[in-house]
Amino acid sequence: YYAGEIVIHSFIKAFTISIVFLLIFIFVIFKRLVFVIFCLCSLLIATIMTLFLMILFDIDFNFANMIALPLLYSLGISYPIYFLRRFLELRKLESVISSNTPKAILFSGVTTILSFSTLAISQHNGTSSMGIMLFISLSMTLLASIVLLPIMIKIYSSQLN
């Protein structure tokens, strides 16, 4: 019981530190609150889609995949950052979409997803569970960044200029 309490407390601490550093990091990169909100919205949408798929496929939320969540946020924030940095350079969403940036993000994401997915074939149940969780969550983060982030940019493009 006490070991479980320690893990939960450590998770909350790691998660809080991860979010705080992400906020500072994103703000240092963009220096505008709207871009911080876009990045966080992308992660929030990916988190909701991940939870939906976990419910849909009856995947338990356990201590092993709980550890993966701070890792997910620190890895998953890079995709929206890449996309938004390119948007700042080109100033037009159509230019970003027609550039190699979405392909580069896709290949970078798929490489990361496949690397962490190898944990899913582990004999250890906890490691396997973490691999499945990372596969689902990183896939949803990539999807949110490549598909939903451009939609958000298109809708709110007047506030970005």
Protein backbone atom coordinates (compact mmCIF):
# COMPACT_ATOMS: atom_id res chain seq x y z
CA TYR A 1 0.00 0.00 0.00
CA TYR A 2 2.72 2.46 0.99
CA ALA A 3 4.76 1.66 -2.11
CA GLY A 4 1.73 2.50 -4.23
CA GLU A 5 1.30 5.79 -2.37
CA ILE A 6 4.96 6.64 -3.03
CA VAL A 7 4.58 5.88 -6.74
CA ILE A 8 1.43 8.04 -7.00
CA HIS A 9 3.11 10.90 -5.11
CA SER A 10 6.20 10.61 -7.33
CA PHE A 11 4.03 10.57 -10.44
CA ILE A 12 2.20 13.74 -9.42
CA LYS A 13 5.51 15.44 -8.63
CA ALA A 14 7.10 14.37 -11.95
CA PHE A 15 3.99 15.33 -13.88
CA THR A 16 3.85 18.77 -12.25
CA ILE A 17 7.55 19.42 -12.83
CA SER A 18 7.20 18.24 -16.43
CA ILE A 19 4.28 20.58 -17.13
CA VAL A 20 5.96 23.57 -15.46
CA PHE A 21 9.18 23.10 -17.39
CA LEU A 22 7.23 22.58 -20.62
CA LEU A 23 5.38 25.85 -20.09
CA ILE A 24 8.61 27.73 -19.41
CA PHE A 25 10.37 26.04 -22.33
CA ILE A 26 7.59 26.81 -24.81
CA PHE A 27 7.29 30.39 -23.62
CA VAL A 28 11.06 30.89 -23.99
CA ILE A 29 10.90 29.54 -27.54
CA PHE A 30 7.87 31.51 -28.77
CA LYS A 31 7.60 34.43 -26.33
CA ARG A 32 3.87 34.56 -27.05
CA LEU A 33 1.12 33.05 -24.95
CA VAL A 34 -1.00 32.05 -27.95
CA PHE A 35 1.69 29.62 -29.15
CA VAL A 36 2.01 28.15 -25.67
CA ILE A 37 -1.76 27.59 -25.70
CA PHE A 38 -1.59 25.94 -29.16
CA CYS A 39 1.12 23.55 -28.00
CA LEU A 40 -0.76 22.69 -24.81
CA CYS A 41 -4.04 22.24 -26.70
CA SER A 42 -2.31 19.80 -29.00
CA LEU A 43 -1.10 17.80 -25.97
CA LEU A 44 -4.50 18.01 -24.29
CA ILE A 45 -6.26 16.69 -27.39
CA ALA A 46 -3.70 13.88 -27.67
CA THR A 47 -4.24 13.03 -23.99
CA ILE A 48 -8.01 12.88 -24.45
CA MET A 49 -7.66 10.68 -27.54
CA THR A 50 -5.23 8.43 -25.66
CA LEU A 51 -7.63 8.03 -22.76
CA PHE A 52 -10.45 7.33 -25.19
CA LEU A 53 -8.42 4.57 -26.90
CA MET A 54 -7.40 3.12 -23.53
CA ILE A 55 -11.08 2.88 -22.59
CA LEU A 56 -12.02 1.54 -26.01
CA PHE A 57 -9.36 -1.21 -25.94
CA ASP A 58 -9.78 -1.87 -22.20
CA ILE A 59 -6.20 -0.95 -21.32
CA ASP A 60 -5.65 -0.48 -17.60
CA PHE A 61 -3.96 2.62 -16.27
CA ASN A 62 -1.29 1.14 -14.01
CA PHE A 63 1.95 2.17 -12.34
CA ALA A 64 4.10 1.20 -15.34
CA ASN A 65 2.27 3.28 -17.91
CA MET A 66 1.75 6.06 -15.38
CA ILE A 67 5.51 6.60 -15.53
CA ALA A 68 5.23 7.07 -19.29
CA LEU A 69 3.01 10.17 -19.11
CA PRO A 70 5.68 12.74 -18.19
CA LEU A 71 7.83 11.17 -20.89
CA LEU A 72 4.94 11.49 -23.33
CA TYR A 73 4.60 15.20 -22.68
CA SER A 74 8.29 15.91 -22.97
CA LEU A 75 8.53 13.95 -26.23
CA GLY A 76 5.14 14.94 -27.62
CA ILE A 77 5.65 18.67 -27.28
CA SER A 78 8.37 18.66 -29.93
CA TYR A 79 5.96 18.03 -32.83
CA PRO A 80 3.81 21.14 -32.30
CA ILE A 81 6.96 23.17 -31.65
CA TYR A 82 8.44 22.11 -35.00
CA PHE A 83 5.21 22.92 -36.80
CA LEU A 84 4.70 26.30 -35.15
CA ARG A 85 8.33 27.35 -35.62
CA ARG A 86 8.01 26.64 -39.32
CA PHE A 87 4.73 28.56 -39.39
CA LEU A 88 6.50 31.56 -37.84
CA GLU A 89 9.18 31.37 -40.55
CA LEU A 90 6.83 31.03 -43.52
CA ARG A 91 3.86 33.02 -42.13
CA LYS A 92 1.35 31.03 -44.22
CA LEU A 93 -0.24 27.74 -43.25
CA GLU A 94 -0.42 26.62 -46.87
CA SER A 95 3.33 27.15 -47.22
CA VAL A 96 4.01 25.06 -44.14
CA ILE A 97 1.75 22.25 -45.32
CA SER A 98 3.32 22.21 -48.79
CA SER A 99 6.85 22.23 -47.31
CA ASN A 100 8.75 19.18 -46.11
CA THR A 101 8.02 20.03 -42.47
CA PRO A 102 4.93 17.80 -42.04
CA LYS A 103 6.81 14.89 -43.62
CA ALA A 104 9.82 15.51 -41.39
CA ILE A 105 7.59 15.62 -38.32
CA LEU A 106 5.87 12.43 -39.46
CA PHE A 107 9.13 10.54 -39.99
CA SER A 108 10.57 11.82 -36.72
CA GLY A 109 7.40 10.80 -34.89
CA VAL A 110 7.14 7.38 -36.50
CA THR A 111 10.78 6.67 -35.65
CA THR A 112 10.20 7.60 -32.01
CA ILE A 113 6.93 5.65 -31.88
CA LEU A 114 8.49 2.51 -33.33
CA SER A 115 11.49 2.78 -31.01
CA PHE A 116 9.36 2.92 -27.88
CA SER A 117 6.90 0.37 -29.26
CA THR A 118 9.54 -2.31 -29.03
CA LEU A 119 8.91 -2.23 -25.28
CA ALA A 120 5.45 -3.67 -25.99
CA ILE A 121 6.92 -7.05 -26.97
CA SER A 122 8.76 -7.39 -23.68
CA GLN A 123 8.11 -10.43 -21.50
CA HIS A 124 7.71 -8.18 -18.45
CA ASN A 125 4.08 -7.08 -18.07
CA GLY A 126 4.93 -3.61 -16.78
CA THR A 127 7.40 -2.88 -19.56
CA SER A 128 5.01 -4.27 -22.14
CA SER A 129 2.19 -2.13 -20.79
CA MET A 130 4.41 0.95 -20.94
CA GLY A 131 5.31 0.16 -24.57
CA ILE A 132 1.64 -0.11 -25.54
CA MET A 133 0.84 3.12 -23.71
CA LEU A 134 3.73 4.96 -25.40
CA PHE A 135 2.68 3.65 -28.81
CA ILE A 136 -0.88 4.88 -28.37
CA SER A 137 -0.03 8.20 -26.74
CA LEU A 138 2.80 9.17 -29.08
CA SER A 139 0.66 8.21 -32.07
CA MET A 140 -2.11 10.46 -30.80
CA THR A 141 0.35 13.28 -30.18
CA LEU A 142 1.67 12.96 -33.71
CA LEU A 143 -1.85 12.87 -35.12
CA ALA A 144 -2.88 15.93 -33.11
CA SER A 145 0.19 17.83 -34.29
CA ILE A 146 -0.06 17.01 -37.97
CA VAL A 147 -3.84 17.05 -38.40
CA LEU A 148 -5.50 19.04 -35.61
CA LEU A 149 -2.86 21.73 -35.04
CA PRO A 150 -3.12 23.03 -38.63
CA ILE A 151 -6.90 23.18 -38.19
CA MET A 152 -6.48 25.22 -35.02
CA ILE A 153 -4.02 27.51 -36.80
CA LYS A 154 -6.45 27.99 -39.67
CA ILE A 155 -9.32 28.83 -37.31
CA TYR A 156 -7.32 31.24 -35.14
CA SER A 157 -4.89 32.59 -37.77
CA SER A 158 -6.04 36.17 -37.21
CA GLN A 159 -4.59 36.10 -33.68
CA LEU A 160 -1.22 34.78 -34.84
CA ASN A 161 -0.17 37.70 -37.01
